[in-house]
Amino acid sequence: MSHIDPEREQFEIFKSLPRDVPINMLNLIKLKERAEYAGAAPEGVKTGADAYAVYGRESGPIFNRVGGTIIWRGAPRVMLIGPEDEKWDLAFIARYPHAGAFMEMVTDPDYRLAVRHRQAAVLDSRLLRCDELEGTKGFG
């Protein structure tokens, strides 16, 4: 089973959490070999990576406007702990000044148009909201 968009129940839980606190969203993305659009793909878009790049270009200004920043980005190489069959192409942490900013982004009309490129690009994904904890200098 692929996970591309949040299920209604998951989104309702997200909306029920405090919106006035900073959040970090851990993103794990597995891209499709070939982009899959409901209609015609944009000119020059062939792969999932191509479509995800278009998603980034179109959603980036909205992400920036709401105060979002990418605080870390990486290329996963090996699953050291966890299911060996879960392979990810991209991993990143997106920081929002507050959860309300994330809500503002995903309900923006221009973002809702841009998200079709993400849907065409992504084979599977994980998106995990992380609230900040006090005393982040250690593991405990």
C-alpha atoms as a PDB file:
ATOM      1  CA  MET A   1       0.000   0.000   0.000  1.00  0.00           C
ATOM      2  CA  SER A   2       1.341   3.409  -0.975  1.00  0.00           C
ATOM      3  CA  HIS A   3       0.947   6.523   1.135  1.00  0.00           C
ATOM      4  CA  ILE A   4       0.781   9.687  -0.955  1.00  0.00           C
ATOM      5  CA  ASP A   5      -1.755  11.991   0.707  1.00  0.00           C
ATOM      6  CA  PRO A   6      -2.972  12.034   4.313  1.00  0.00           C
ATOM      7  CA  GLU A   7      -6.073  10.049   5.130  1.00  0.00           C
ATOM      8  CA  ARG A   8      -8.942  12.123   6.536  1.00  0.00           C
ATOM      9  CA  GLU A   9      -8.566  10.617  10.030  1.00  0.00           C
ATOM     10  CA  GLN A  10      -4.832  11.366  10.111  1.00  0.00           C
ATOM     11  CA  PHE A  11      -5.435  14.945   8.970  1.00  0.00           C
ATOM     12  CA  GLU A  12      -8.135  15.430  11.631  1.00  0.00           C
ATOM     13  CA  ILE A  13      -5.661  14.318  14.319  1.00  0.00           C
ATOM     14  CA  PHE A  14      -3.062  16.750  12.934  1.00  0.00           C
ATOM     15  CA  LYS A  15      -5.630  19.575  13.020  1.00  0.00           C
ATOM     16  CA  SER A  16      -6.564  18.755  16.630  1.00  0.00           C
ATOM     17  CA  LEU A  17      -2.983  19.314  17.859  1.00  0.00           C
ATOM     18  CA  PRO A  18      -1.783  22.771  18.940  1.00  0.00           C
ATOM     19  CA  ARG A  19      -1.326  25.108  15.962  1.00  0.00           C
ATOM     20  CA  ASP A  20       0.686  27.831  17.682  1.00  0.00           C
ATOM     21  CA  VAL A  21       3.886  25.816  18.264  1.00  0.00           C
ATOM     22  CA  PRO A  22       6.852  25.345  15.918  1.00  0.00           C
ATOM     23  CA  ILE A  23       6.890  21.983  14.137  1.00  0.00           C
ATOM     24  CA  ASN A  24       9.348  19.976  12.107  1.00  0.00           C
ATOM     25  CA  MET A  25       7.990  17.653   9.444  1.00  0.00           C
ATOM     26  CA  LEU A  26      10.130  14.604   8.660  1.00  0.00           C
ATOM     27  CA  ASN A  27       9.597  13.664   4.998  1.00  0.00           C
ATOM     28  CA  LEU A  28      10.623  10.354   3.412  1.00  0.00           C
ATOM     29  CA  ILE A  29       9.958  10.132  -0.329  1.00  0.00           C
ATOM     30  CA  LYS A  30      10.127   7.251  -2.817  1.00  0.00           C
ATOM     31  CA  LEU A  31       9.780   8.517  -6.396  1.00  0.00           C
ATOM     32  CA  LYS A  32       8.155   6.756  -9.324  1.00  0.00           C
ATOM     33  CA  GLU A  33      10.331   5.778 -12.274  1.00  0.00           C
ATOM     34  CA  ARG A  34       7.905   7.569 -14.606  1.00  0.00           C
ATOM     35  CA  ALA A  35       5.633  10.440 -13.629  1.00  0.00           C
ATOM     36  CA  GLU A  36       1.954   9.506 -13.720  1.00  0.00           C
ATOM     37  CA  TYR A  37      -0.441  12.379 -14.376  1.00  0.00           C
ATOM     38  CA  ALA A  38      -4.217  12.033 -14.678  1.00  0.00           C
ATOM     39  CA  GLY A  39      -3.966  14.045 -17.901  1.00  0.00           C
ATOM     40  CA  ALA A  40      -1.039  15.094 -20.032  1.00  0.00           C
ATOM     41  CA  ALA A  41       2.266  15.642 -18.262  1.00  0.00           C
ATOM     42  CA  PRO A  42       3.834  19.099 -18.543  1.00  0.00           C
ATOM     43  CA  GLU A  43       6.378  19.547 -21.329  1.00  0.00           C
ATOM     44  CA  GLY A  44       9.687  17.861 -20.468  1.00  0.00           C
ATOM     45  CA  VAL A  45       8.367  15.984 -17.415  1.00  0.00           C
ATOM     46  CA  LYS A  46       9.045  12.286 -17.784  1.00  0.00           C
ATOM     47  CA  THR A  47      10.243  10.884 -14.453  1.00  0.00           C
ATOM     48  CA  GLY A  48       9.022  11.091 -10.898  1.00  0.00           C
ATOM     49  CA  ALA A  49      12.102  13.200 -10.147  1.00  0.00           C
ATOM     50  CA  ASP A  50      11.110  15.621 -12.928  1.00  0.00           C
ATOM     51  CA  ALA A  51       7.577  15.943 -11.545  1.00  0.00           C
ATOM     52  CA  TYR A  52       8.854  16.387  -7.981  1.00  0.00           C
ATOM     53  CA  ALA A  53      11.142  19.191  -9.174  1.00  0.00           C
ATOM     54  CA  VAL A  54       8.105  20.943 -10.722  1.00  0.00           C
ATOM     55  CA  TYR A  55       6.244  20.465  -7.436  1.00  0.00           C
ATOM     56  CA  GLY A  56       9.164  22.096  -5.623  1.00  0.00           C
ATOM     57  CA  ARG A  57       9.263  25.067  -7.995  1.00  0.00           C
ATOM     58  CA  GLU A  58       5.517  25.665  -7.793  1.00  0.00           C
ATOM     59  CA  SER A  59       5.029  25.037  -4.069  1.00  0.00           C
ATOM     60  CA  GLY A  60       8.302  26.656  -2.945  1.00  0.00           C
ATOM     61  CA  PRO A  61       7.058  30.261  -2.999  1.00  0.00           C
ATOM     62  CA  ILE A  62       4.048  29.293  -0.866  1.00  0.00           C
ATOM     63  CA  PHE A  63       6.264  27.308   1.532  1.00  0.00           C
ATOM     64  CA  ASN A  64       8.556  30.340   1.876  1.00  0.00           C
ATOM     65  CA  ARG A  65       5.649  32.776   2.300  1.00  0.00           C
ATOM     66  CA  VAL A  66       4.275  30.855   5.294  1.00  0.00           C
ATOM     67  CA  GLY A  67       7.742  30.856   6.884  1.00  0.00           C
ATOM     68  CA  GLY A  68       8.802  27.306   6.042  1.00  0.00           C
ATOM     69  CA  THR A  69      12.464  26.344   5.773  1.00  0.00           C
ATOM     70  CA  ILE A  70      14.258  23.128   4.931  1.00  0.00           C
ATOM     71  CA  ILE A  71      16.586  22.560   7.882  1.00  0.00           C
ATOM     72  CA  TRP A  72      18.100  19.306   6.635  1.00  0.00           C
ATOM     73  CA  ARG A  73      18.048  17.327   3.401  1.00  0.00           C
ATOM     74  CA  GLY A  74      19.719  14.033   2.554  1.00  0.00           C
ATOM     75  CA  ALA A  75      19.897  11.007   0.279  1.00  0.00           C
ATOM     76  CA  PRO A  76      19.098   7.800   2.217  1.00  0.00           C
ATOM     77  CA  ARG A  77      21.620   5.032   1.523  1.00  0.00           C
ATOM     78  CA  VAL A  78      20.935   2.064   3.816  1.00  0.00           C
ATOM     79  CA  MET A  79      18.215   1.067   6.271  1.00  0.00           C
ATOM     80  CA  LEU A  80      20.246   0.294   9.382  1.00  0.00           C
ATOM     81  CA  ILE A  81      17.230  -0.309  11.626  1.00  0.00           C
ATOM     82  CA  GLY A  82      13.858  -1.001  10.072  1.00  0.00           C
ATOM     83  CA  PRO A  83      12.313  -2.907   7.192  1.00  0.00           C
ATOM     84  CA  GLU A  84      14.938  -3.598   4.528  1.00  0.00           C
ATOM     85  CA  ASP A  85      12.318  -3.309   1.787  1.00  0.00           C
ATOM     86  CA  GLU A  86      11.617   0.349   2.645  1.00  0.00           C
ATOM     87  CA  LYS A  87      13.878   2.319   0.340  1.00  0.00           C
ATOM     88  CA  TRP A  88      13.685   6.116   0.100  1.00  0.00           C
ATOM     89  CA  ASP A  89      15.031   8.460  -2.564  1.00  0.00           C
ATOM     90  CA  LEU A  90      14.778  11.671  -0.529  1.00  0.00           C
ATOM     91  CA  ALA A  91      14.679  12.566   3.137  1.00  0.00           C
ATOM     92  CA  PHE A  92      14.288  16.052   4.552  1.00  0.00           C
ATOM     93  CA  ILE A  93      13.022  18.007   7.512  1.00  0.00           C
ATOM     94  CA  ALA A  94      10.786  20.988   6.797  1.00  0.00           C
ATOM     95  CA  ARG A  95      10.431  23.459   9.664  1.00  0.00           C
ATOM     96  CA  TYR A  96       7.364  25.644  10.093  1.00  0.00           C
ATOM     97  CA  PRO A  97       7.169  28.544  12.561  1.00  0.00           C
ATOM     98  CA  HIS A  98       3.887  27.038  13.787  1.00  0.00           C
ATOM     99  CA  ALA A  99       1.524  24.267  12.731  1.00  0.00           C
ATOM    100  CA  GLY A 100      -0.936  26.872  11.471  1.00  0.00           C
ATOM    101  CA  ALA A 101       1.616  27.819   8.791  1.00  0.00           C
ATOM    102  CA  PHE A 102       1.555  24.245   7.477  1.00  0.00           C
ATOM    103  CA  MET A 103      -2.260  24.380   7.413  1.00  0.00           C
ATOM    104  CA  GLU A 104      -2.115  27.706   5.570  1.00  0.00           C
ATOM    105  CA  MET A 105       0.208  26.201   2.962  1.00  0.00           C
ATOM    106  CA  VAL A 106      -1.787  23.032   2.242  1.00  0.00           C
ATOM    107  CA  THR A 107      -5.067  24.965   1.936  1.00  0.00           C
ATOM    108  CA  ASP A 108      -3.620  27.676  -0.332  1.00  0.00           C
ATOM    109  CA  PRO A 109      -5.323  27.518  -3.779  1.00  0.00           C
ATOM    110  CA  ASP A 110      -1.982  27.701  -5.626  1.00  0.00           C
ATOM    111  CA  TYR A 111      -0.539  24.921  -3.474  1.00  0.00           C
ATOM    112  CA  ARG A 112      -3.571  22.765  -4.207  1.00  0.00           C
ATOM    113  CA  LEU A 113      -2.740  23.142  -7.912  1.00  0.00           C
ATOM    114  CA  ALA A 114       0.956  22.380  -7.368  1.00  0.00           C
ATOM    115  CA  VAL A 115       0.307  19.217  -5.346  1.00  0.00           C
ATOM    116  CA  ARG A 116      -0.755  17.365  -8.512  1.00  0.00           C
ATOM    117  CA  HIS A 117       2.940  17.220  -9.442  1.00  0.00           C
ATOM    118  CA  ARG A 118       3.746  15.618  -6.079  1.00  0.00           C
ATOM    119  CA  GLN A 119       0.988  13.076  -6.655  1.00  0.00           C
ATOM    120  CA  ALA A 120       2.367  12.314 -10.131  1.00  0.00           C
ATOM    121  CA  ALA A 121       5.896  11.959  -8.745  1.00  0.00           C
ATOM    122  CA  VAL A 122       5.600  10.010  -5.503  1.00  0.00           C
ATOM    123  CA  LEU A 123       5.338   6.231  -5.285  1.00  0.00           C
ATOM    124  CA  ASP A 124       5.304   6.176  -1.481  1.00  0.00           C
ATOM    125  CA  SER A 125       6.019   8.593   1.348  1.00  0.00           C
ATOM    126  CA  ARG A 126       6.019   9.195   5.067  1.00  0.00           C
ATOM    127  CA  LEU A 127       5.291  12.535   6.696  1.00  0.00           C
ATOM    128  CA  LEU A 128       5.755  12.760  10.442  1.00  0.00           C
ATOM    129  CA  ARG A 129       4.910  15.844  12.496  1.00  0.00           C
ATOM    130  CA  CYS A 130       7.453  16.366  15.261  1.00  0.00           C
ATOM    131  CA  ASP A 131       6.860  18.904  18.013  1.00  0.00           C
ATOM    132  CA  GLU A 132       9.942  20.255  19.750  1.00  0.00           C
ATOM    133  CA  LEU A 133      10.962  18.992  23.178  1.00  0.00           C
ATOM    134  CA  GLU A 134      12.672  20.932  25.930  1.00  0.00           C
ATOM    135  CA  GLY A 135      16.313  20.067  26.599  1.00  0.00           C
ATOM    136  CA  THR A 136      17.286  18.774  23.166  1.00  0.00           C
ATOM    137  CA  LYS A 137      20.991  18.386  24.029  1.00  0.00           C
ATOM    138  CA  GLY A 138      20.766  14.652  24.783  1.00  0.00           C
ATOM    139  CA  PHE A 139      18.787  11.505  24.111  1.00  0.00           C
ATOM    140  CA  GLY A 140      16.748  11.540  27.328  1.00  0.00           C
END
